[in-house]
Amino acid sequence: MRSQPVMRAPTAYRTSRWMIPLRMRMRMRHKITDIAHTVATHRTLEDPHQELPTARQASATGLTAAPHSEIHYRVHMKPKPKPATGLGCIRR
């Protein structure tokens, strides 16, 4: 006697109760990382709106939501701007 295969609907059409909080958490993390990446990208471009501290803060928020995200590490590791006053320079 052969066993019959179990016919079930795909997971996308049928949601178990235990999956609902996990799915919502995954969607929220994805949205947070997308927004953080967008803010960080716009704040690192060289234009009048460039603010590297704001970009670092956005990437830190993205890393809090998704610590494995390489995109946020790249923004977080960009060099800081040179001081305009020259106070950071060594004088001889």
PDB file of N, CA and C in Angstrom:
ATOM      1  N   MET A   1       0.833  -1.171   0.000  1.00  0.00           N
ATOM      2  CA  MET A   1       0.000   0.000   0.000  1.00  0.00           C
ATOM      3  C   MET A   1       0.881   1.240   0.000  1.00  0.00           C
ATOM      4  N   ARG A   2       0.630   2.114  -0.943  1.00  0.00           N
ATOM      5  CA  ARG A   2       1.422   3.334  -1.069  1.00  0.00           C
ATOM      6  C   ARG A   2       0.731   4.476  -0.336  1.00  0.00           C
ATOM      7  N   SER A   3       1.541   5.317   0.247  1.00  0.00           N
ATOM      8  CA  SER A   3       0.964   6.477   0.932  1.00  0.00           C
ATOM      9  C   SER A   3       0.707   7.591  -0.078  1.00  0.00           C
ATOM     10  N   GLN A   4      -0.306   8.329   0.156  1.00  0.00           N
ATOM     11  CA  GLN A   4      -0.689   9.426  -0.729  1.00  0.00           C
ATOM     12  C   GLN A   4       0.035  10.703  -0.293  1.00  0.00           C
ATOM     13  N   PRO A   5       0.500  11.509  -1.243  1.00  0.00           N
ATOM     14  CA  PRO A   5       1.138  12.769  -0.867  1.00  0.00           C
ATOM     15  C   PRO A   5       0.128  13.723  -0.243  1.00  0.00           C
ATOM     16  N   VAL A   6       0.603  14.479   0.701  1.00  0.00           N
ATOM     17  CA  VAL A   6      -0.260  15.442   1.384  1.00  0.00           C
ATOM     18  C   VAL A   6      -0.367  16.687   0.524  1.00  0.00           C
ATOM     19  N   MET A   7      -1.560  17.065   0.182  1.00  0.00           N
ATOM     20  CA  MET A   7      -1.778  18.249  -0.643  1.00  0.00           C
ATOM     21  C   MET A   7      -2.124  19.426   0.262  1.00  0.00           C
ATOM     22  N   ARG A   8      -1.264  20.419   0.254  1.00  0.00           N
ATOM     23  CA  ARG A   8      -1.489  21.606   1.079  1.00  0.00           C
ATOM     24  C   ARG A   8      -1.339  22.841   0.211  1.00  0.00           C
ATOM     25  N   ALA A   9      -1.975  23.872   0.653  1.00  0.00           N
ATOM     26  CA  ALA A   9      -1.859  25.149  -0.058  1.00  0.00           C
ATOM     27  C   ALA A   9      -0.481  25.727   0.218  1.00  0.00           C
ATOM     28  N   PRO A  10       0.072  26.506  -0.716  1.00  0.00           N
ATOM     29  CA  PRO A  10       1.360  27.152  -0.471  1.00  0.00           C
ATOM     30  C   PRO A  10       1.285  28.078   0.739  1.00  0.00           C
ATOM     31  N   THR A  11       2.432  28.296   1.350  1.00  0.00           N
ATOM     32  CA  THR A  11       2.497  29.115   2.567  1.00  0.00           C
ATOM     33  C   THR A  11       2.016  30.537   2.322  1.00  0.00           C
ATOM     34  N   ALA A  12       2.186  31.056   1.126  1.00  0.00           N
ATOM     35  CA  ALA A  12       1.779  32.434   0.847  1.00  0.00           C
ATOM     36  C   ALA A  12       0.268  32.615   0.952  1.00  0.00           C
ATOM     37  N   TYR A  13      -0.485  31.564   0.708  1.00  0.00           N
ATOM     38  CA  TYR A  13      -1.941  31.664   0.740  1.00  0.00           C
ATOM     39  C   TYR A  13      -2.525  31.274   2.089  1.00  0.00           C
ATOM     40  N   ARG A  14      -1.784  30.530   2.854  1.00  0.00           N
ATOM     41  CA  ARG A  14      -2.287  30.035   4.121  1.00  0.00           C
ATOM     42  C   ARG A  14      -1.285  30.399   5.215  1.00  0.00           C
ATOM     43  N   THR A  15      -1.665  31.223   6.135  1.00  0.00           N
ATOM     44  CA  THR A  15      -0.755  31.691   7.170  1.00  0.00           C
ATOM     45  C   THR A  15      -1.102  31.054   8.505  1.00  0.00           C
ATOM     46  N   SER A  16      -0.114  30.466   9.126  1.00  0.00           N
ATOM     47  CA  SER A  16      -0.307  29.925  10.467  1.00  0.00           C
ATOM     48  C   SER A  16      -0.235  31.060  11.478  1.00  0.00           C
ATOM     49  N   ARG A  17      -0.821  30.841  12.621  1.00  0.00           N
ATOM     50  CA  ARG A  17      -0.849  31.915  13.634  1.00  0.00           C
ATOM     51  C   ARG A  17       0.532  32.267  14.138  1.00  0.00           C
ATOM     52  N   TRP A  18       1.423  31.289  14.252  1.00  0.00           N
ATOM     53  CA  TRP A  18       2.749  31.571  14.784  1.00  0.00           C
ATOM     54  C   TRP A  18       3.596  32.360  13.791  1.00  0.00           C
ATOM     55  N   MET A  19       3.214  32.365  12.505  1.00  0.00           N
ATOM     56  CA  MET A  19       3.986  33.070  11.491  1.00  0.00           C
ATOM     57  C   MET A  19       3.679  34.565  11.434  1.00  0.00           C
ATOM     58  N   ILE A  20       2.529  34.980  11.890  1.00  0.00           N
ATOM     59  CA  ILE A  20       2.100  36.374  11.743  1.00  0.00           C
ATOM     60  C   ILE A  20       3.058  37.350  12.432  1.00  0.00           C
ATOM     61  N   PRO A  21       3.421  37.155  13.703  1.00  0.00           N
ATOM     62  CA  PRO A  21       4.352  38.115  14.320  1.00  0.00           C
ATOM     63  C   PRO A  21       5.732  38.105  13.665  1.00  0.00           C
ATOM     64  N   LEU A  22       6.186  36.932  13.247  1.00  0.00           N
ATOM     65  CA  LEU A  22       7.495  36.863  12.598  1.00  0.00           C
ATOM     66  C   LEU A  22       7.489  37.591  11.259  1.00  0.00           C
ATOM     67  N   ARG A  23       6.433  37.406  10.497  1.00  0.00           N
ATOM     68  CA  ARG A  23       6.321  38.072   9.202  1.00  0.00           C
ATOM     69  C   ARG A  23       6.257  39.584   9.386  1.00  0.00           C
ATOM     70  N   MET A  24       5.511  40.052  10.380  1.00  0.00           N
ATOM     71  CA  MET A  24       5.417  41.493  10.628  1.00  0.00           C
ATOM     72  C   MET A  24       6.768  42.058  11.057  1.00  0.00           C
ATOM     73  N   ARG A  25       7.486  41.335  11.903  1.00  0.00           N
ATOM     74  CA  ARG A  25       8.796  41.789  12.361  1.00  0.00           C
ATOM     75  C   ARG A  25       9.785  41.867  11.197  1.00  0.00           C
ATOM     76  N   MET A  26       9.741  40.887  10.309  1.00  0.00           N
ATOM     77  CA  MET A  26      10.626  40.899   9.150  1.00  0.00           C
ATOM     78  C   MET A  26      10.313  42.063   8.222  1.00  0.00           C
ATOM     79  N   ARG A  27       9.045  42.342   8.010  1.00  0.00           N
ATOM     80  CA  ARG A  27       8.666  43.464   7.153  1.00  0.00           C
ATOM     81  C   ARG A  27       9.097  44.792   7.754  1.00  0.00           C
ATOM     82  N   MET A  28       8.940  44.953   9.073  1.00  0.00           N
ATOM     83  CA  MET A  28       9.335  46.199   9.717  1.00  0.00           C
ATOM     84  C   MET A  28      10.837  46.394   9.648  1.00  0.00           C
ATOM     85  N   ARG A  29      11.600  45.328   9.866  1.00  0.00           N
ATOM     86  CA  ARG A  29      13.059  45.440   9.754  1.00  0.00           C
ATOM     87  C   ARG A  29      13.455  45.850   8.353  1.00  0.00           C
ATOM     88  N   HIS A  30      12.800  45.273   7.364  1.00  0.00           N
ATOM     89  CA  HIS A  30      13.119  45.596   5.983  1.00  0.00           C
ATOM     90  C   HIS A  30      12.812  47.065   5.690  1.00  0.00           C
ATOM     91  N   LYS A  31      11.691  47.556   6.178  1.00  0.00           N
ATOM     92  CA  LYS A  31      11.327  48.961   5.956  1.00  0.00           C
ATOM     93  C   LYS A  31      12.293  49.903   6.671  1.00  0.00           C
ATOM     94  N   ILE A  32      12.660  49.562   7.899  1.00  0.00           N
ATOM     95  CA  ILE A  32      13.593  50.408   8.657  1.00  0.00           C
ATOM     96  C   ILE A  32      14.936  50.477   7.951  1.00  0.00           C
ATOM     97  N   THR A  33      15.440  49.339   7.500  1.00  0.00           N
ATOM     98  CA  THR A  33      16.738  49.350   6.825  1.00  0.00           C
ATOM     99  C   THR A  33      16.673  50.089   5.490  1.00  0.00           C
ATOM    100  N   ASP A  34      15.567  49.969   4.765  1.00  0.00           N
ATOM    101  CA  ASP A  34      15.429  50.708   3.504  1.00  0.00           C
ATOM    102  C   ASP A  34      15.439  52.214   3.728  1.00  0.00           C
ATOM    103  N   ILE A  35      14.687  52.672   4.710  1.00  0.00           N
ATOM    104  CA  ILE A  35      14.631  54.112   4.990  1.00  0.00           C
ATOM    105  C   ILE A  35      15.973  54.614   5.495  1.00  0.00           C
ATOM    106  N   ALA A  36      16.619  53.850   6.371  1.00  0.00           N
ATOM    107  CA  ALA A  36      17.930  54.255   6.885  1.00  0.00           C
ATOM    108  C   ALA A  36      18.956  54.325   5.758  1.00  0.00           C
ATOM    109  N   HIS A  37      18.893  53.386   4.834  1.00  0.00           N
ATOM    110  CA  HIS A  37      19.830  53.410   3.703  1.00  0.00           C
ATOM    111  C   HIS A  37      19.564  54.603   2.799  1.00  0.00           C
ATOM    112  N   THR A  38      18.304  54.930   2.566  1.00  0.00           N
ATOM    113  CA  THR A  38      17.963  56.084   1.728  1.00  0.00           C
ATOM    114  C   THR A  38      18.463  57.377   2.354  1.00  0.00           C
ATOM    115  N   VAL A  39      18.232  57.549   3.654  1.00  0.00           N
ATOM    116  CA  VAL A  39      18.688  58.766   4.344  1.00  0.00           C
ATOM    117  C   VAL A  39      20.212  58.844   4.312  1.00  0.00           C
ATOM    118  N   ALA A  40      20.874  57.735   4.602  1.00  0.00           N
ATOM    119  CA  ALA A  40      22.335  57.732   4.612  1.00  0.00           C
ATOM    120  C   ALA A  40      22.902  58.024   3.225  1.00  0.00           C
ATOM    121  N   THR A  41      22.284  57.488   2.199  1.00  0.00           N
ATOM    122  CA  THR A  41      22.756  57.725   0.829  1.00  0.00           C
ATOM    123  C   THR A  41      22.613  59.196   0.450  1.00  0.00           C
ATOM    124  N   HIS A  42      21.478  59.798   0.764  1.00  0.00           N
ATOM    125  CA  HIS A  42      21.267  61.206   0.413  1.00  0.00           C
ATOM    126  C   HIS A  42      22.173  62.136   1.219  1.00  0.00           C
ATOM    127  N   ARG A  43      22.508  61.755   2.436  1.00  0.00           N
ATOM    128  CA  ARG A  43      23.346  62.618   3.276  1.00  0.00           C
ATOM    129  C   ARG A  43      24.835  62.450   3.010  1.00  0.00           C
ATOM    130  N   THR A  44      25.236  61.426   2.252  1.00  0.00           N
ATOM    131  CA  THR A  44      26.655  61.265   1.934  1.00  0.00           C
ATOM    132  C   THR A  44      27.013  61.820   0.563  1.00  0.00           C
ATOM    133  N   LEU A  45      26.028  62.168  -0.256  1.00  0.00           N
ATOM    134  CA  LEU A  45      26.328  62.757  -1.562  1.00  0.00           C
ATOM    135  C   LEU A  45      26.953  64.137  -1.382  1.00  0.00           C
ATOM    136  N   GLU A  46      27.862  64.458  -2.258  1.00  0.00           N
ATOM    137  CA  GLU A  46      28.522  65.767  -2.158  1.00  0.00           C
ATOM    138  C   GLU A  46      27.643  66.831  -2.806  1.00  0.00           C
ATOM    139  N   ASP A  47      26.856  67.470  -1.996  1.00  0.00           N
ATOM    140  CA  ASP A  47      25.985  68.558  -2.418  1.00  0.00           C
ATOM    141  C   ASP A  47      25.720  69.425  -1.194  1.00  0.00           C
ATOM    142  N   PRO A  48      24.920  70.484  -1.313  1.00  0.00           N
ATOM    143  CA  PRO A  48      24.673  71.355  -0.153  1.00  0.00           C
ATOM    144  C   PRO A  48      24.006  70.646   1.035  1.00  0.00           C
ATOM    145  N   HIS A  49      23.372  69.496   0.807  1.00  0.00           N
ATOM    146  CA  HIS A  49      22.681  68.797   1.888  1.00  0.00           C
ATOM    147  C   HIS A  49      23.533  67.715   2.537  1.00  0.00           C
ATOM    148  N   GLN A  50      24.822  67.709   2.274  1.00  0.00           N
ATOM    149  CA  GLN A  50      25.682  66.668   2.831  1.00  0.00           C
ATOM    150  C   GLN A  50      25.857  66.863   4.336  1.00  0.00           C
ATOM    151  N   GLU A  51      25.532  65.827   5.081  1.00  0.00           N
ATOM    152  CA  GLU A  51      25.708  65.830   6.534  1.00  0.00           C
ATOM    153  C   GLU A  51      26.158  64.429   6.934  1.00  0.00           C
ATOM    154  N   LEU A  52      27.448  64.247   7.114  1.00  0.00           N
ATOM    155  CA  LEU A  52      27.959  62.917   7.445  1.00  0.00           C
ATOM    156  C   LEU A  52      27.537  62.435   8.837  1.00  0.00           C
ATOM    157  N   PRO A  53      27.434  63.308   9.847  1.00  0.00           N
ATOM    158  CA  PRO A  53      26.943  62.801  11.133  1.00  0.00           C
ATOM    159  C   PRO A  53      25.513  62.241  11.048  1.00  0.00           C
ATOM    160  N   THR A  54      24.660  62.891  10.262  1.00  0.00           N
ATOM    161  CA  THR A  54      23.291  62.389  10.081  1.00  0.00           C
ATOM    162  C   THR A  54      23.307  61.064   9.333  1.00  0.00           C
ATOM    163  N   ALA A  55      24.200  60.937   8.359  1.00  0.00           N
ATOM    164  CA  ALA A  55      24.318  59.672   7.618  1.00  0.00           C
ATOM    165  C   ALA A  55      24.793  58.552   8.536  1.00  0.00           C
ATOM    166  N   ARG A  56      25.734  58.863   9.409  1.00  0.00           N
ATOM    167  CA  ARG A  56      26.204  57.845  10.361  1.00  0.00           C
ATOM    168  C   ARG A  56      25.099  57.441  11.338  1.00  0.00           C
ATOM    169  N   GLN A  57      24.322  58.399  11.777  1.00  0.00           N
ATOM    170  CA  GLN A  57      23.218  58.088  12.684  1.00  0.00           C
ATOM    171  C   GLN A  57      22.182  57.212  11.989  1.00  0.00           C
ATOM    172  N   ALA A  58      21.892  57.503  10.727  1.00  0.00           N
ATOM    173  CA  ALA A  58      20.941  56.675   9.971  1.00  0.00           C
ATOM    174  C   ALA A  58      21.489  55.271   9.774  1.00  0.00           C
ATOM    175  N   SER A  59      22.784  55.160   9.475  1.00  0.00           N
ATOM    176  CA  SER A  59      23.353  53.817   9.298  1.00  0.00           C
ATOM    177  C   SER A  59      23.394  53.062  10.622  1.00  0.00           C
ATOM    178  N   ALA A  60      23.599  53.761  11.728  1.00  0.00           N
ATOM    179  CA  ALA A  60      23.563  53.094  13.036  1.00  0.00           C
ATOM    180  C   ALA A  60      22.160  52.585  13.341  1.00  0.00           C
ATOM    181  N   THR A  61      21.149  53.348  12.969  1.00  0.00           N
ATOM    182  CA  THR A  61      19.766  52.890  13.138  1.00  0.00           C
ATOM    183  C   THR A  61      19.500  51.664  12.281  1.00  0.00           C
ATOM    184  N   GLY A  62      19.987  51.680  11.051  1.00  0.00           N
ATOM    185  CA  GLY A  62      19.842  50.517  10.181  1.00  0.00           C
ATOM    186  C   GLY A  62      20.563  49.299  10.718  1.00  0.00           C
ATOM    187  N   LEU A  63      21.744  49.502  11.321  1.00  0.00           N
ATOM    188  CA  LEU A  63      22.490  48.385  11.906  1.00  0.00           C
ATOM    189  C   LEU A  63      21.805  47.841  13.147  1.00  0.00           C
ATOM    190  N   THR A  64      21.096  48.686  13.863  1.00  0.00           N
ATOM    191  CA  THR A  64      20.333  48.204  15.014  1.00  0.00           C
ATOM    192  C   THR A  64      19.215  47.276  14.564  1.00  0.00           C
ATOM    193  N   ALA A  65      18.563  47.632  13.469  1.00  0.00           N
ATOM    194  CA  ALA A  65      17.469  46.803  12.950  1.00  0.00           C
ATOM    195  C   ALA A  65      17.987  45.534  12.291  1.00  0.00           C
ATOM    196  N   ALA A  66      19.085  45.640  11.549  1.00  0.00           N
ATOM    197  CA  ALA A  66      19.647  44.482  10.847  1.00  0.00           C
ATOM    198  C   ALA A  66      21.170  44.502  10.987  1.00  0.00           C
ATOM    199  N   PRO A  67      21.708  43.870  12.024  1.00  0.00           N
ATOM    200  CA  PRO A  67      23.152  43.947  12.292  1.00  0.00           C
ATOM    201  C   PRO A  67      24.024  43.304  11.217  1.00  0.00           C
ATOM    202  N   HIS A  68      23.459  42.536  10.335  1.00  0.00           N
ATOM    203  CA  HIS A  68      24.229  41.847   9.295  1.00  0.00           C
ATOM    204  C   HIS A  68      24.291  42.628   7.986  1.00  0.00           C
ATOM    205  N   SER A  69      23.730  43.818   7.952  1.00  0.00           N
ATOM    206  CA  SER A  69      23.610  44.586   6.705  1.00  0.00           C
ATOM    207  C   SER A  69      24.943  45.237   6.329  1.00  0.00           C
ATOM    208  N   GLU A  70      25.501  44.790   5.216  1.00  0.00           N
ATOM    209  CA  GLU A  70      26.785  45.316   4.758  1.00  0.00           C
ATOM    210  C   GLU A  70      26.661  46.749   4.250  1.00  0.00           C
ATOM    211  N   ILE A  71      25.523  47.097   3.709  1.00  0.00           N
ATOM    212  CA  ILE A  71      25.318  48.447   3.166  1.00  0.00           C
ATOM    213  C   ILE A  71      25.494  49.496   4.255  1.00  0.00           C
ATOM    214  N   HIS A  72      24.964  49.229   5.429  1.00  0.00           N
ATOM    215  CA  HIS A  72      25.064  50.197   6.516  1.00  0.00           C
ATOM    216  C   HIS A  72      26.484  50.268   7.067  1.00  0.00           C
ATOM    217  N   TYR A  73      27.211  49.167   7.050  1.00  0.00           N
ATOM    218  CA  TYR A  73      28.615  49.205   7.471  1.00  0.00           C
ATOM    219  C   TYR A  73      29.440  50.073   6.529  1.00  0.00           C
ATOM    220  N   ARG A  74      29.150  50.015   5.233  1.00  0.00           N
ATOM    221  CA  ARG A  74      29.890  50.836   4.272  1.00  0.00           C
ATOM    222  C   ARG A  74      29.697  52.321   4.549  1.00  0.00           C
ATOM    223  N   VAL A  75      28.454  52.735   4.806  1.00  0.00           N
ATOM    224  CA  VAL A  75      28.182  54.150   5.101  1.00  0.00           C
ATOM    225  C   VAL A  75      28.824  54.534   6.429  1.00  0.00           C
ATOM    226  N   HIS A  76      28.760  53.642   7.385  1.00  0.00           N
ATOM    227  CA  HIS A  76      29.279  53.934   8.722  1.00  0.00           C
ATOM    228  C   HIS A  76      30.799  54.083   8.714  1.00  0.00           C
ATOM    229  N   MET A  77      31.462  53.465   7.759  1.00  0.00           N
ATOM    230  CA  MET A  77      32.922  53.501   7.724  1.00  0.00           C
ATOM    231  C   MET A  77      33.473  54.557   6.771  1.00  0.00           C
ATOM    232  N   LYS A  78      32.621  55.380   6.171  1.00  0.00           N
ATOM    233  CA  LYS A  78      33.116  56.439   5.286  1.00  0.00           C
ATOM    234  C   LYS A  78      33.941  57.437   6.097  1.00  0.00           C
ATOM    235  N   PRO A  79      34.950  58.029   5.464  1.00  0.00           N
ATOM    236  CA  PRO A  79      35.805  58.964   6.221  1.00  0.00           C
ATOM    237  C   PRO A  79      35.054  60.227   6.627  1.00  0.00           C
ATOM    238  N   LYS A  80      35.506  60.801   7.722  1.00  0.00           N
ATOM    239  CA  LYS A  80      34.920  62.044   8.203  1.00  0.00           C
ATOM    240  C   LYS A  80      35.448  63.206   7.363  1.00  0.00           C
ATOM    241  N   PRO A  81      34.688  64.289   7.266  1.00  0.00           N
ATOM    242  CA  PRO A  81      35.173  65.434   6.485  1.00  0.00           C
ATOM    243  C   PRO A  81      36.357  66.111   7.174  1.00  0.00           C
ATOM    244  N   LYS A  82      37.180  66.767   6.372  1.00  0.00           N
ATOM    245  CA  LYS A  82      38.329  67.489   6.923  1.00  0.00           C
ATOM    246  C   LYS A  82      37.817  68.730   7.649  1.00  0.00           C
ATOM    247  N   PRO A  83      38.439  69.081   8.757  1.00  0.00           N
ATOM    248  CA  PRO A  83      37.986  70.293   9.461  1.00  0.00           C
ATOM    249  C   PRO A  83      38.280  71.541   8.627  1.00  0.00           C
ATOM    250  N   ALA A  84      37.323  72.430   8.572  1.00  0.00           N
ATOM    251  CA  ALA A  84      37.454  73.645   7.771  1.00  0.00           C
ATOM    252  C   ALA A  84      38.420  74.644   8.415  1.00  0.00           C
ATOM    253  N   THR A  85      38.593  74.561   9.731  1.00  0.00           N
ATOM    254  CA  THR A  85      39.431  75.536  10.427  1.00  0.00           C
ATOM    255  C   THR A  85      40.899  75.146  10.414  1.00  0.00           C
ATOM    256  N   GLY A  86      41.216  73.917  10.085  1.00  0.00           N
ATOM    257  CA  GLY A  86      42.616  73.492  10.089  1.00  0.00           C
ATOM    258  C   GLY A  86      43.117  73.125  11.470  1.00  0.00           C
ATOM    259  N   LEU A  87      42.221  73.001  12.444  1.00  0.00           N
ATOM    260  CA  LEU A  87      42.632  72.674  13.799  1.00  0.00           C
ATOM    261  C   LEU A  87      43.166  71.246  13.919  1.00  0.00           C
ATOM    262  N   GLY A  88      42.782  70.403  13.005  1.00  0.00           N
ATOM    263  CA  GLY A  88      43.243  69.021  13.067  1.00  0.00           C
ATOM    264  C   GLY A  88      44.584  68.802  12.374  1.00  0.00           C
ATOM    265  N   CYS A  89      45.185  69.854  11.833  1.00  0.00           N
ATOM    266  CA  CYS A  89      46.444  69.721  11.090  1.00  0.00           C
ATOM    267  C   CYS A  89      47.637  69.890  12.035  1.00  0.00           C
ATOM    268  N   ILE A  90      48.725  69.220  11.692  1.00  0.00           N
ATOM    269  CA  ILE A  90      49.958  69.364  12.473  1.00  0.00           C
ATOM    270  C   ILE A  90      50.792  70.475  11.838  1.00  0.00           C
ATOM    271  N   ARG A  91      51.188  71.417  12.653  1.00  0.00           N
ATOM    272  CA  ARG A  91      51.992  72.528  12.152  1.00  0.00           C
ATOM    273  C   ARG A  91      53.442  72.319  12.542  1.00  0.00           C
ATOM    274  N   ARG A  92      54.335  72.680  11.643  1.00  0.00           N
ATOM    275  CA  ARG A  92      55.767  72.544  11.938  1.00  0.00           C
ATOM    276  C   ARG A  92      56.407  73.882  12.089  1.00  0.00           C
TER     277      ARG A  92
END
